């Protein structure tokens, strides 16, 4: 299983969040940098363990959008047995 770590401190804006996610997850160039595109890409990933660190920094920077972003990861993990998403304190 591939291990991926996301850093909430690197996601100060929506654009920065999606760029960091794209790079960390190795998403394709055509990734649409929005929540629907993220959900679609997560649905196509094979075997991944994704850890979000510094979630509070993400929440402080993006507020409601941060919660929506986290929910996309949580929903995708519920839908797939080979996808794990966890939030860890720093």
N, C-alpha and C. Protein backbone atom coordinates (compact mmCIF):
# COMPACT_ATOMS: atom_id res chain seq x y z
N UNK A 1 0.84 -1.18 0.00
CA UNK A 1 0.00 0.00 0.00
C UNK A 1 0.89 1.25 0.00
N UNK A 2 0.62 2.14 -0.88
CA UNK A 2 1.37 3.38 -1.00
C UNK A 2 1.03 4.32 0.16
N UNK A 3 2.04 4.89 0.80
CA UNK A 3 1.84 5.83 1.91
C UNK A 3 2.07 7.25 1.42
N UNK A 4 1.08 8.10 1.69
CA UNK A 4 1.13 9.49 1.23
C UNK A 4 0.86 10.39 2.43
N UNK A 5 1.67 11.44 2.56
CA UNK A 5 1.48 12.37 3.65
C UNK A 5 1.16 13.76 3.10
N UNK A 6 0.06 14.33 3.60
CA UNK A 6 -0.32 15.69 3.24
C UNK A 6 -0.01 16.60 4.43
N UNK A 7 0.42 17.81 4.14
CA UNK A 7 0.80 18.78 5.17
C UNK A 7 -0.14 19.97 5.10
N UNK A 8 -1.01 20.11 6.10
CA UNK A 8 -1.98 21.19 6.12
C UNK A 8 -1.36 22.56 6.10
N UNK A 9 -0.12 22.69 6.52
CA UNK A 9 0.57 23.99 6.50
C UNK A 9 0.88 24.45 5.09
N UNK A 10 0.85 23.54 4.14
CA UNK A 10 1.14 23.88 2.74
C UNK A 10 -0.12 24.18 1.95
N UNK A 11 -1.25 24.30 2.65
CA UNK A 11 -2.53 24.50 1.97
C UNK A 11 -3.21 25.77 2.47
N UNK A 12 -2.58 26.91 2.21
CA UNK A 12 -3.08 28.20 2.69
C UNK A 12 -4.24 28.75 1.87
N UNK A 13 -4.33 28.35 0.62
CA UNK A 13 -5.41 28.78 -0.26
C UNK A 13 -5.97 27.54 -0.95
N UNK A 14 -7.11 27.70 -1.58
CA UNK A 14 -7.67 26.55 -2.32
C UNK A 14 -6.71 26.08 -3.40
N UNK A 15 -6.13 27.05 -4.12
CA UNK A 15 -5.20 26.70 -5.20
C UNK A 15 -3.98 25.96 -4.65
N UNK A 16 -3.43 26.45 -3.55
CA UNK A 16 -2.26 25.79 -2.95
C UNK A 16 -2.63 24.40 -2.43
N UNK A 17 -3.83 24.27 -1.87
CA UNK A 17 -4.28 22.98 -1.36
C UNK A 17 -4.34 21.96 -2.49
N UNK A 18 -4.97 22.34 -3.58
CA UNK A 18 -5.10 21.39 -4.69
C UNK A 18 -3.76 21.10 -5.35
N UNK A 19 -2.87 22.07 -5.40
CA UNK A 19 -1.54 21.83 -5.96
C UNK A 19 -0.76 20.84 -5.09
N UNK A 20 -0.82 21.04 -3.78
CA UNK A 20 -0.12 20.14 -2.85
C UNK A 20 -0.69 18.72 -2.95
N UNK A 21 -2.00 18.62 -2.99
CA UNK A 21 -2.66 17.32 -3.11
C UNK A 21 -2.27 16.65 -4.43
N UNK A 22 -2.30 17.43 -5.51
CA UNK A 22 -1.96 16.89 -6.83
C UNK A 22 -0.55 16.32 -6.84
N UNK A 23 0.39 17.08 -6.28
CA UNK A 23 1.78 16.62 -6.24
C UNK A 23 1.95 15.41 -5.33
N UNK A 24 1.38 15.47 -4.14
CA UNK A 24 1.56 14.40 -3.16
C UNK A 24 0.93 13.08 -3.64
N UNK A 25 -0.24 13.17 -4.27
CA UNK A 25 -0.93 11.97 -4.71
C UNK A 25 -0.52 11.53 -6.11
N UNK A 26 0.25 12.37 -6.80
CA UNK A 26 0.65 12.05 -8.17
C UNK A 26 -0.53 12.04 -9.12
N UNK A 27 -1.41 13.03 -8.98
CA UNK A 27 -2.61 13.09 -9.83
C UNK A 27 -2.23 13.53 -11.23
N UNK A 28 -3.05 13.17 -12.20
CA UNK A 28 -2.73 13.49 -13.60
C UNK A 28 -2.80 14.99 -13.89
N UNK A 29 -2.18 15.40 -14.99
CA UNK A 29 -2.16 16.81 -15.39
C UNK A 29 -3.56 17.36 -15.59
N UNK A 30 -4.49 16.52 -16.00
CA UNK A 30 -5.85 16.99 -16.27
C UNK A 30 -6.70 17.14 -15.00
N UNK A 31 -6.11 16.88 -13.82
CA UNK A 31 -6.83 17.04 -12.57
C UNK A 31 -7.45 18.43 -12.50
N UNK A 32 -8.74 18.51 -12.22
CA UNK A 32 -9.50 19.75 -12.29
C UNK A 32 -9.38 20.69 -11.11
N UNK A 33 -8.62 20.33 -10.08
CA UNK A 33 -8.40 21.19 -8.91
C UNK A 33 -9.69 21.67 -8.27
N UNK A 34 -10.62 20.73 -8.07
CA UNK A 34 -11.84 21.02 -7.34
C UNK A 34 -12.27 19.76 -6.59
N UNK A 35 -13.26 19.89 -5.74
CA UNK A 35 -13.65 18.77 -4.88
C UNK A 35 -14.19 17.58 -5.68
N UNK A 36 -14.97 17.84 -6.72
CA UNK A 36 -15.50 16.73 -7.53
C UNK A 36 -14.38 15.98 -8.24
N UNK A 37 -13.43 16.73 -8.78
CA UNK A 37 -12.30 16.10 -9.47
C UNK A 37 -11.46 15.29 -8.49
N UNK A 38 -11.29 15.81 -7.28
CA UNK A 38 -10.54 15.07 -6.27
C UNK A 38 -11.23 13.77 -5.94
N UNK A 39 -12.54 13.81 -5.75
CA UNK A 39 -13.28 12.59 -5.44
C UNK A 39 -13.14 11.57 -6.57
N UNK A 40 -13.25 12.04 -7.80
CA UNK A 40 -13.10 11.14 -8.94
C UNK A 40 -11.72 10.49 -8.97
N UNK A 41 -10.68 11.29 -8.75
CA UNK A 41 -9.31 10.76 -8.77
C UNK A 41 -9.07 9.79 -7.62
N UNK A 42 -9.60 10.10 -6.45
CA UNK A 42 -9.44 9.17 -5.32
C UNK A 42 -10.14 7.85 -5.60
N UNK A 43 -11.24 7.91 -6.34
CA UNK A 43 -11.96 6.69 -6.71
C UNK A 43 -11.18 5.80 -7.66
N UNK A 44 -10.19 6.37 -8.32
CA UNK A 44 -9.39 5.62 -9.29
C UNK A 44 -8.04 5.17 -8.73
N UNK A 45 -7.71 5.64 -7.51
CA UNK A 45 -6.41 5.28 -6.92
C UNK A 45 -6.42 3.85 -6.42
N UNK A 46 -5.33 3.17 -6.63
CA UNK A 46 -5.19 1.81 -6.12
C UNK A 46 -4.34 1.83 -4.86
N UNK A 47 -4.84 1.23 -3.80
CA UNK A 47 -4.11 1.05 -2.56
C UNK A 47 -3.30 2.21 -2.05
N UNK A 48 -3.92 3.05 -1.25
CA UNK A 48 -3.20 4.20 -0.69
C UNK A 48 -3.59 4.42 0.77
N UNK A 49 -2.60 4.79 1.55
CA UNK A 49 -2.80 5.18 2.95
C UNK A 49 -2.40 6.65 3.02
N UNK A 50 -3.40 7.53 3.16
CA UNK A 50 -3.18 8.98 3.13
C UNK A 50 -3.29 9.52 4.55
N UNK A 51 -2.26 10.22 4.99
CA UNK A 51 -2.24 10.84 6.31
C UNK A 51 -2.22 12.35 6.14
N UNK A 52 -3.13 13.03 6.82
CA UNK A 52 -3.14 14.48 6.84
C UNK A 52 -2.55 14.94 8.17
N UNK A 53 -1.48 15.68 8.11
CA UNK A 53 -0.87 16.28 9.30
C UNK A 53 -1.17 17.78 9.30
N UNK A 54 -1.15 18.37 10.47
CA UNK A 54 -1.41 19.80 10.63
C UNK A 54 -2.78 20.18 10.06
N UNK A 55 -3.77 19.38 10.37
CA UNK A 55 -5.14 19.64 9.91
C UNK A 55 -5.66 20.96 10.46
N UNK A 56 -5.24 21.35 11.66
CA UNK A 56 -5.71 22.62 12.21
C UNK A 56 -5.22 23.80 11.40
N UNK A 57 -4.01 23.72 10.86
CA UNK A 57 -3.51 24.79 10.00
C UNK A 57 -4.38 24.90 8.74
N UNK A 58 -4.76 23.77 8.20
CA UNK A 58 -5.64 23.74 7.04
C UNK A 58 -6.99 24.35 7.38
N UNK A 59 -7.56 23.94 8.50
CA UNK A 59 -8.86 24.47 8.92
C UNK A 59 -8.80 25.98 9.18
N UNK A 60 -7.73 26.43 9.80
CA UNK A 60 -7.59 27.87 10.08
C UNK A 60 -7.48 28.67 8.79
N UNK A 61 -6.81 28.12 7.80
CA UNK A 61 -6.61 28.84 6.54
C UNK A 61 -7.84 28.82 5.65
N UNK A 62 -8.53 27.67 5.60
CA UNK A 62 -9.60 27.51 4.61
C UNK A 62 -11.00 27.35 5.19
N UNK A 63 -11.13 27.28 6.50
CA UNK A 63 -12.45 27.23 7.14
C UNK A 63 -13.34 26.11 6.62
N UNK A 64 -14.52 26.50 6.15
CA UNK A 64 -15.52 25.54 5.69
C UNK A 64 -14.98 24.70 4.53
N UNK A 65 -14.21 25.32 3.65
CA UNK A 65 -13.66 24.56 2.52
C UNK A 65 -12.74 23.45 2.99
N UNK A 66 -12.01 23.69 4.07
CA UNK A 66 -11.15 22.64 4.62
C UNK A 66 -11.98 21.45 5.07
N UNK A 67 -13.10 21.71 5.71
CA UNK A 67 -13.98 20.62 6.16
C UNK A 67 -14.53 19.85 4.96
N UNK A 68 -14.87 20.57 3.90
CA UNK A 68 -15.37 19.91 2.69
C UNK A 68 -14.28 19.05 2.06
N UNK A 69 -13.07 19.55 2.05
CA UNK A 69 -11.94 18.83 1.50
C UNK A 69 -11.69 17.54 2.29
N UNK A 70 -11.68 17.66 3.59
CA UNK A 70 -11.49 16.49 4.47
C UNK A 70 -12.61 15.49 4.25
N UNK A 71 -13.83 15.98 4.10
CA UNK A 71 -14.98 15.08 3.88
C UNK A 71 -14.83 14.29 2.59
N UNK A 72 -14.25 14.89 1.56
CA UNK A 72 -14.03 14.17 0.30
C UNK A 72 -13.10 12.98 0.54
N UNK A 73 -12.02 13.20 1.29
CA UNK A 73 -11.10 12.10 1.60
C UNK A 73 -11.81 11.03 2.45
N UNK A 74 -12.56 11.45 3.44
CA UNK A 74 -13.27 10.49 4.30
C UNK A 74 -14.29 9.68 3.52
N UNK A 75 -15.05 10.35 2.66
CA UNK A 75 -16.04 9.65 1.84
C UNK A 75 -15.39 8.64 0.91
N UNK A 76 -14.30 9.05 0.27
CA UNK A 76 -13.60 8.15 -0.65
C UNK A 76 -13.06 6.93 0.10
N UNK A 77 -12.56 7.15 1.31
CA UNK A 77 -12.03 6.03 2.11
C UNK A 77 -13.16 5.07 2.52
N UNK A 78 -14.33 5.61 2.78
CA UNK A 78 -15.48 4.74 3.12
C UNK A 78 -15.93 3.92 1.92
N UNK A 79 -15.77 4.47 0.75
CA UNK A 79 -16.24 3.81 -0.47
C UNK A 79 -15.28 2.74 -0.97
N UNK A 80 -14.02 2.81 -0.54
CA UNK A 80 -13.00 1.88 -1.05
C UNK A 80 -12.28 1.19 0.09
N UNK A 81 -12.19 -0.11 0.00
CA UNK A 81 -11.49 -0.88 1.04
C UNK A 81 -9.98 -0.69 0.97
N UNK A 82 -9.46 -0.32 -0.19
CA UNK A 82 -8.01 -0.19 -0.36
C UNK A 82 -7.52 1.26 -0.23
N UNK A 83 -8.36 2.13 0.35
CA UNK A 83 -7.99 3.53 0.56
C UNK A 83 -8.22 3.86 2.04
N UNK A 84 -7.16 4.32 2.69
CA UNK A 84 -7.22 4.70 4.10
C UNK A 84 -6.90 6.17 4.21
N UNK A 85 -7.69 6.89 5.01
CA UNK A 85 -7.42 8.30 5.28
C UNK A 85 -7.45 8.53 6.77
N UNK A 86 -6.39 9.13 7.30
CA UNK A 86 -6.32 9.43 8.73
C UNK A 86 -5.80 10.85 8.92
N UNK A 87 -6.24 11.47 10.01
CA UNK A 87 -5.75 12.78 10.40
C UNK A 87 -4.91 12.55 11.64
N UNK A 88 -3.68 13.04 11.60
CA UNK A 88 -2.76 12.86 12.73
C UNK A 88 -2.32 14.22 13.26
N UNK A 89 -2.21 14.28 14.57
CA UNK A 89 -1.66 15.48 15.19
C UNK A 89 -0.18 15.54 14.85
N UNK A 90 0.38 16.76 14.78
CA UNK A 90 1.79 16.87 14.39
C UNK A 90 2.73 16.18 15.36
